[in-house]
C-alpha cells in the first residue's frame, strides 16, 4: 500500500486531503502541532477507511521537530509516495506593526519547511521514478500582500521550477493556489 504524508493535517484543506487520500486507499502520516486533534483524526480515518495512520506531532517552525518529519520522509522502510505541504498560518497585523519573531516563524513554516521536506523526499521519489508533491500555495502568491504573499509566491515559483526540472520523470509536482478558506 502507498503512503501519503500531509502537513497541517487536522483542519481545513489538509484535513480534506487526508479524507481524499484515505478514500483512495493510501496509508497516511499526519503531521500537525495538536496531538489531541492528531489522535482524533487518526482514529477516525483508520476506522472509516481501514488504512494505517501514523501521527507525527511537530511544529514545523522548530528545527528539531521539522527534522523529525524530514527523517520520516527519507525513511526507506515505508516510503512516501505523496507529500502534501499544507501547514501554514497568516498574520493579521501589518508588517510595520507585527512581531518579527512571528514573521520569521511564518517564513519558516510557509517556505523553509516545504523546501526541506521536498528535499528530504525527492531522492527516494527519483530512485523509484514515481511520486506526487502538492504544495498548498495561495492566490495571495499573485499579489503584493506582505510576508504571507511573499512566502506563498516563493512556494509557487519553487514548485514551478521543480516541475520543469522533473519534467522527464514520473514525479508530479504542483502548486494548489486556493482563495481565502
C-alpha atoms as a PDB file:
ATOM      1  CA  UNK A   1       0.000   0.000   0.000  1.00  0.00           C
ATOM      2  CA  UNK A   2       1.245   3.505  -0.828  1.00  0.00           C
ATOM      3  CA  UNK A   3       1.728   6.085   1.907  1.00  0.00           C
ATOM      4  CA  UNK A   4       0.987   9.814   1.864  1.00  0.00           C
ATOM      5  CA  UNK A   5       2.274  12.425   4.313  1.00  0.00           C
ATOM      6  CA  UNK A   6       0.155  15.527   4.944  1.00  0.00           C
ATOM      7  CA  UNK A   7       1.292  18.558   6.953  1.00  0.00           C
ATOM      8  CA  UNK A   8      -1.373  20.677   8.617  1.00  0.00           C
ATOM      9  CA  UNK A   9      -3.493  17.518   8.586  1.00  0.00           C
ATOM     10  CA  UNK A  10      -6.034  18.276  11.307  1.00  0.00           C
ATOM     11  CA  UNK A  11      -8.073  21.123   9.802  1.00  0.00           C
ATOM     12  CA  UNK A  12      -9.141  22.821   6.601  1.00  0.00           C
ATOM     13  CA  UNK A  13      -7.510  21.858   3.323  1.00  0.00           C
ATOM     14  CA  UNK A  14      -5.083  19.445   4.991  1.00  0.00           C
ATOM     15  CA  UNK A  15      -7.889  17.564   6.709  1.00  0.00           C
ATOM     16  CA  UNK A  16      -9.752  17.348   3.393  1.00  0.00           C
ATOM     17  CA  UNK A  17      -6.655  15.876   1.743  1.00  0.00           C
ATOM     18  CA  UNK A  18      -6.450  13.212   4.473  1.00  0.00           C
ATOM     19  CA  UNK A  19     -10.004  12.048   3.712  1.00  0.00           C
ATOM     20  CA  UNK A  20      -9.440  12.075  -0.055  1.00  0.00           C
ATOM     21  CA  UNK A  21      -6.209  10.085   0.222  1.00  0.00           C
ATOM     22  CA  UNK A  22      -7.640   7.585   2.725  1.00  0.00           C
ATOM     23  CA  UNK A  23     -10.682   7.077   0.486  1.00  0.00           C
ATOM     24  CA  UNK A  24      -8.271   6.223  -2.350  1.00  0.00           C
ATOM     25  CA  UNK A  25      -6.592   3.616  -0.101  1.00  0.00           C
ATOM     26  CA  UNK A  26      -3.438   5.459   0.930  1.00  0.00           C
ATOM     27  CA  UNK A  27      -1.926   4.788   4.331  1.00  0.00           C
ATOM     28  CA  UNK A  28      -1.261   8.132   5.995  1.00  0.00           C
ATOM     29  CA  UNK A  29       1.278  10.035   8.029  1.00  0.00           C
ATOM     30  CA  UNK A  30      -0.437  13.013   9.651  1.00  0.00           C
ATOM     31  CA  UNK A  31       1.655  15.984  10.760  1.00  0.00           C
ATOM     32  CA  UNK A  32       0.341  18.832  12.923  1.00  0.00           C
ATOM     33  CA  UNK A  33       1.030  20.612  16.212  1.00  0.00           C
ATOM     34  CA  UNK A  34      -2.020  19.477  18.205  1.00  0.00           C
ATOM     35  CA  UNK A  35      -1.560  15.910  19.472  1.00  0.00           C
ATOM     36  CA  UNK A  36      -5.183  15.537  20.626  1.00  0.00           C
ATOM     37  CA  UNK A  37      -6.524  16.501  17.204  1.00  0.00           C
ATOM     38  CA  UNK A  38      -3.958  14.255  15.510  1.00  0.00           C
ATOM     39  CA  UNK A  39      -5.113  11.295  17.625  1.00  0.00           C
ATOM     40  CA  UNK A  40      -8.778  12.010  16.858  1.00  0.00           C
ATOM     41  CA  UNK A  41      -8.110  12.392  13.133  1.00  0.00           C
ATOM     42  CA  UNK A  42      -6.030   9.197  13.009  1.00  0.00           C
ATOM     43  CA  UNK A  43      -8.680   7.159  14.823  1.00  0.00           C
ATOM     44  CA  UNK A  44     -11.466   8.473  12.595  1.00  0.00           C
ATOM     45  CA  UNK A  45      -9.599   7.838   9.326  1.00  0.00           C
ATOM     46  CA  UNK A  46      -8.370   4.402  10.353  1.00  0.00           C
ATOM     47  CA  UNK A  47     -11.842   3.301  11.430  1.00  0.00           C
ATOM     48  CA  UNK A  48     -13.742   4.696   8.439  1.00  0.00           C
ATOM     49  CA  UNK A  49     -11.305   3.864   5.625  1.00  0.00           C
ATOM     50  CA  UNK A  50      -9.428   0.845   7.068  1.00  0.00           C
ATOM     51  CA  UNK A  51      -5.999   2.396   6.403  1.00  0.00           C
ATOM     52  CA  UNK A  52      -2.915   2.612   8.579  1.00  0.00           C
ATOM     53  CA  UNK A  53      -2.447   6.051  10.108  1.00  0.00           C
ATOM     54  CA  UNK A  54       0.771   7.245  11.713  1.00  0.00           C
ATOM     55  CA  UNK A  55       0.997  10.568  13.532  1.00  0.00           C
ATOM     56  CA  UNK A  56       3.896  12.965  13.908  1.00  0.00           C
ATOM     57  CA  UNK A  57       3.303  15.848  16.268  1.00  0.00           C
ATOM     58  CA  UNK A  58       5.504  18.667  15.016  1.00  0.00           C
ATOM     59  CA  UNK A  59       5.700  22.435  14.868  1.00  0.00           C
ATOM     60  CA  UNK A  60       7.452  22.964  11.545  1.00  0.00           C
ATOM     61  CA  UNK A  61       8.972  26.242  12.737  1.00  0.00           C
ATOM     62  CA  UNK A  62      11.048  24.332  15.313  1.00  0.00           C
ATOM     63  CA  UNK A  63      14.181  22.860  13.675  1.00  0.00           C
ATOM     64  CA  UNK A  64      14.298  19.658  15.760  1.00  0.00           C
ATOM     65  CA  UNK A  65      10.622  18.947  15.096  1.00  0.00           C
ATOM     66  CA  UNK A  66      10.979  19.685  11.380  1.00  0.00           C
ATOM     67  CA  UNK A  67      13.966  17.300  11.317  1.00  0.00           C
ATOM     68  CA  UNK A  68      11.723  14.540  12.703  1.00  0.00           C
ATOM     69  CA  UNK A  69       9.407  14.943   9.688  1.00  0.00           C
ATOM     70  CA  UNK A  70      12.362  15.087   7.287  1.00  0.00           C
ATOM     71  CA  UNK A  71      13.652  11.838   8.771  1.00  0.00           C
ATOM     72  CA  UNK A  72      10.273  10.151   8.209  1.00  0.00           C
ATOM     73  CA  UNK A  73      10.183  11.380   4.599  1.00  0.00           C
ATOM     74  CA  UNK A  74      13.625   9.974   3.864  1.00  0.00           C
ATOM     75  CA  UNK A  75      12.909   6.604   5.503  1.00  0.00           C
ATOM     76  CA  UNK A  76      13.197   3.666   3.104  1.00  0.00           C
ATOM     77  CA  UNK A  77      11.203   1.432   5.474  1.00  0.00           C
ATOM     78  CA  UNK A  78       7.809   2.679   4.296  1.00  0.00           C
ATOM     79  CA  UNK A  79       8.472   5.253   1.580  1.00  0.00           C
ATOM     80  CA  UNK A  80       6.256   8.261   0.996  1.00  0.00           C
ATOM     81  CA  UNK A  81       4.558   8.280  -2.416  1.00  0.00           C
ATOM     82  CA  UNK A  82       2.586  11.517  -1.880  1.00  0.00           C
ATOM     83  CA  UNK A  83       3.674  14.631   0.016  1.00  0.00           C
ATOM     84  CA  UNK A  84       1.128  17.350   0.718  1.00  0.00           C
ATOM     85  CA  UNK A  85       2.855  20.503   2.028  1.00  0.00           C
ATOM     86  CA  UNK A  86      -0.131  22.247   3.551  1.00  0.00           C
ATOM     87  CA  UNK A  87       0.808  23.550   7.026  1.00  0.00           C
ATOM     88  CA  UNK A  88       0.540  27.285   7.365  1.00  0.00           C
ATOM     89  CA  UNK A  89      -0.850  30.333   9.096  1.00  0.00           C
ATOM     90  CA  UNK A  90      -1.237  34.050   8.483  1.00  0.00           C
ATOM     91  CA  UNK A  91      -0.503  37.227  10.396  1.00  0.00           C
ATOM     92  CA  UNK A  92      -3.258  39.810  10.622  1.00  0.00           C
ATOM     93  CA  UNK A  93      -1.015  42.737  11.558  1.00  0.00           C
ATOM     94  CA  UNK A  94       0.754  44.961   9.068  1.00  0.00           C
ATOM     95  CA  UNK A  95       4.436  44.146   8.682  1.00  0.00           C
ATOM     96  CA  UNK A  96       5.191  47.582  10.157  1.00  0.00           C
ATOM     97  CA  UNK A  97       3.493  46.677  13.435  1.00  0.00           C
ATOM     98  CA  UNK A  98       3.921  42.892  13.525  1.00  0.00           C
ATOM     99  CA  UNK A  99       6.243  40.906  15.745  1.00  0.00           C
ATOM    100  CA  UNK A 100       9.393  39.989  13.791  1.00  0.00           C
ATOM    101  CA  UNK A 101       9.609  36.597  15.532  1.00  0.00           C
ATOM    102  CA  UNK A 102       6.125  35.782  14.154  1.00  0.00           C
ATOM    103  CA  UNK A 103       7.184  36.936  10.680  1.00  0.00           C
ATOM    104  CA  UNK A 104      10.246  34.663  10.781  1.00  0.00           C
ATOM    105  CA  UNK A 105       8.109  31.761  12.016  1.00  0.00           C
ATOM    106  CA  UNK A 106       5.745  32.361   9.084  1.00  0.00           C
ATOM    107  CA  UNK A 107       8.643  32.156   6.598  1.00  0.00           C
ATOM    108  CA  UNK A 108       9.897  29.012   8.357  1.00  0.00           C
ATOM    109  CA  UNK A 109       6.526  27.248   8.058  1.00  0.00           C
ATOM    110  CA  UNK A 110       5.376  28.502   4.635  1.00  0.00           C
ATOM    111  CA  UNK A 111       8.676  28.452   2.715  1.00  0.00           C
ATOM    112  CA  UNK A 112      11.569  26.823   4.572  1.00  0.00           C
ATOM    113  CA  UNK A 113       9.696  23.739   5.814  1.00  0.00           C
ATOM    114  CA  UNK A 114       8.208  22.768   2.418  1.00  0.00           C
ATOM    115  CA  UNK A 115      11.624  23.249   0.798  1.00  0.00           C
ATOM    116  CA  UNK A 116      13.306  20.985   3.361  1.00  0.00           C
ATOM    117  CA  UNK A 117      10.531  18.379   3.197  1.00  0.00           C
ATOM    118  CA  UNK A 118      10.720  18.208  -0.602  1.00  0.00           C
ATOM    119  CA  UNK A 119      14.499  17.920  -0.396  1.00  0.00           C
ATOM    120  CA  UNK A 120      14.079  15.004   2.028  1.00  0.00           C
ATOM    121  CA  UNK A 121      11.556  13.038  -0.059  1.00  0.00           C
ATOM    122  CA  UNK A 122      12.750  13.675  -3.617  1.00  0.00           C
ATOM    123  CA  UNK A 123      15.807  11.340  -3.590  1.00  0.00           C
ATOM    124  CA  UNK A 124      13.591   8.304  -2.981  1.00  0.00           C
ATOM    125  CA  UNK A 125      10.986   9.510  -5.469  1.00  0.00           C
ATOM    126  CA  UNK A 126      13.761   9.877  -8.049  1.00  0.00           C
ATOM    127  CA  UNK A 127      15.097   6.384  -7.267  1.00  0.00           C
ATOM    128  CA  UNK A 128      11.584   4.925  -7.812  1.00  0.00           C
ATOM    129  CA  UNK A 129      10.790   7.367 -10.619  1.00  0.00           C
ATOM    130  CA  UNK A 130       7.379   7.959  -9.057  1.00  0.00           C
ATOM    131  CA  UNK A 131       5.727  10.272  -6.589  1.00  0.00           C
ATOM    132  CA  UNK A 132       3.465  13.256  -6.167  1.00  0.00           C
ATOM    133  CA  UNK A 133       4.047  16.521  -4.332  1.00  0.00           C
ATOM    134  CA  UNK A 134       1.331  19.104  -3.864  1.00  0.00           C
ATOM    135  CA  UNK A 135       2.387  22.408  -2.334  1.00  0.00           C
ATOM    136  CA  UNK A 136      -0.534  24.400  -0.996  1.00  0.00           C
ATOM    137  CA  UNK A 137       0.233  27.957  -2.015  1.00  0.00           C
ATOM    138  CA  UNK A 138      -2.446  30.639  -2.401  1.00  0.00           C
ATOM    139  CA  UNK A 139      -3.935  33.195  -4.761  1.00  0.00           C
ATOM    140  CA  UNK A 140      -2.123  35.572  -2.403  1.00  0.00           C
ATOM    141  CA  UNK A 141       1.051  34.447  -4.185  1.00  0.00           C
ATOM    142  CA  UNK A 142      -0.052  36.575  -7.167  1.00  0.00           C
ATOM    143  CA  UNK A 143      -0.305  39.865  -5.254  1.00  0.00           C
ATOM    144  CA  UNK A 144       1.855  42.111  -3.109  1.00  0.00           C
ATOM    145  CA  UNK A 145       0.427  41.377   0.306  1.00  0.00           C
ATOM    146  CA  UNK A 146       3.155  41.256   2.901  1.00  0.00           C
ATOM    147  CA  UNK A 147       5.191  38.350   4.158  1.00  0.00           C
ATOM    148  CA  UNK A 148       2.379  35.822   3.649  1.00  0.00           C
ATOM    149  CA  UNK A 149       2.124  36.664  -0.069  1.00  0.00           C
ATOM    150  CA  UNK A 150       5.908  36.655  -0.398  1.00  0.00           C
ATOM    151  CA  UNK A 151       6.189  33.207   1.214  1.00  0.00           C
ATOM    152  CA  UNK A 152       3.365  31.780  -0.891  1.00  0.00           C
ATOM    153  CA  UNK A 153       4.944  33.300  -4.011  1.00  0.00           C
ATOM    154  CA  UNK A 154       8.244  31.605  -3.123  1.00  0.00           C
ATOM    155  CA  UNK A 155       6.418  28.281  -2.782  1.00  0.00           C
ATOM    156  CA  UNK A 156       4.572  28.665  -6.096  1.00  0.00           C
ATOM    157  CA  UNK A 157       7.712  29.706  -8.020  1.00  0.00           C
ATOM    158  CA  UNK A 158       9.820  26.973  -6.421  1.00  0.00           C
ATOM    159  CA  UNK A 159       7.149  24.438  -7.359  1.00  0.00           C
ATOM    160  CA  UNK A 160       7.088  25.690 -10.950  1.00  0.00           C
ATOM    161  CA  UNK A 161      10.873  25.433 -11.122  1.00  0.00           C
ATOM    162  CA  UNK A 162      10.841  21.857  -9.795  1.00  0.00           C
ATOM    163  CA  UNK A 163       8.042  20.958 -12.198  1.00  0.00           C
ATOM    164  CA  UNK A 164      10.367  21.909 -15.071  1.00  0.00           C
ATOM    165  CA  UNK A 165      13.324  20.123 -13.510  1.00  0.00           C
ATOM    166  CA  UNK A 166      11.274  16.934 -13.007  1.00  0.00           C
ATOM    167  CA  UNK A 167       9.554  17.037 -16.409  1.00  0.00           C
ATOM    168  CA  UNK A 168      11.418  13.984 -17.712  1.00  0.00           C
ATOM    169  CA  UNK A 169      10.425  11.862 -14.709  1.00  0.00           C
ATOM    170  CA  UNK A 170       7.192  10.280 -13.469  1.00  0.00           C
ATOM    171  CA  UNK A 171       7.160  12.596 -10.450  1.00  0.00           C
ATOM    172  CA  UNK A 172       4.282  15.046 -10.424  1.00  0.00           C
ATOM    173  CA  UNK A 173       4.613  18.325  -8.560  1.00  0.00           C
ATOM    174  CA  UNK A 174       2.101  21.127  -8.491  1.00  0.00           C
ATOM    175  CA  UNK A 175       1.092  24.168  -6.512  1.00  0.00           C
ATOM    176  CA  UNK A 176      -2.500  24.484  -5.370  1.00  0.00           C
ATOM    177  CA  UNK A 177      -3.500  28.161  -5.135  1.00  0.00           C
ATOM    178  CA  UNK A 178      -6.853  28.391  -3.351  1.00  0.00           C
ATOM    179  CA  UNK A 179      -8.564  31.613  -2.387  1.00  0.00           C
ATOM    180  CA  UNK A 180      -9.499  32.526   1.173  1.00  0.00           C
ATOM    181  CA  UNK A 181     -10.594  29.454   3.165  1.00  0.00           C
END
